[in-house]
């Protein structure tokens, strides 16, 4: 099993010194990946429902602050040497695909091959409208096409693409990413369309367990979706083993007594048992959102570091 953690795009933990402290701590403890979220603007009036909590309200919309995702990862790259730099997730339609592919390739070169691209289609219609993007209702088709364009730009000596939303030819696209054949792509989302996208073009499926519309908050529910993913991958003519499962955990709580049976909440022995259960399902990576459960306890770096240490020093040796 490989492990990662999240860095917020707003709030006190996104301050430069806090971020520097957290990523260096995570790297020293042996985490493989850090991921950060993606928003460019939060409109002041939002009616779009946020998919990942019961309140259907994104916590960042209250204050409205959000750092640029790729700039955050570039900053983290300069503070670390081995930690992988992940997007969880990049809202693919937000950026011109040639510009985004160039930024990601540049980051991969400058970080010596440490980028992982988590991708999603987005949920915030008002943000799409503010950015003057293709229609929100077409975001799935746009996402699929832009991902194909990324791969063409990163892998072809003579990149050429003719689509509905992007076209290019007769260009140099250099340098290519360090990683071959291209930057790994984790496909976010829990819907059937997300599963199909992962089966068709992903190196991994990257779901969250907190989507009330597509609940994956038990091993049994996750396994059912993983079975659908494997079957779909085979229908796409790919080996199901070529699409890993990277599960994002929002329920880690070392202060819980574990009596409620919530995965990854409880004392070290119980959390270690949960990790073994998910590993047996075929999950290859766990990304921990340390602010997912006890947000009131994680407003400063020391609280997050305590949770990093609880996982790395108390749980991992028991797995």
Foldseek 3Di string as FASTA:
>chain_A
DAEAAEQEFDAPCNPLVNVLVQLVLLVVLPHAEYEYEADDWQDLDFDFFQQFAPVSDDPCNVVTGGDHRLVSQLSSLVSDQGHAYEYPAYQQQLDDLLVVLLSQQVSLVVSVRRYAHEYDLDGTQVRCVVSVTPHSVCSLVVRLQSVVQSLQLQADQFRFDDDDRDTDGPDGRDDHGNDPPHHAYEQEDQDPSSLLSLLQDHQEHEYEQRGPVQHPFDVVSVLVSLVVSQVSNVVNVHHSLSYAYEYEYLPADDVDCCPVVGANYHHQLRNLVSVVSNVVSRHDYYYYHPCRPPVVQPNGSVSVSVSSCRCSVRRVVND
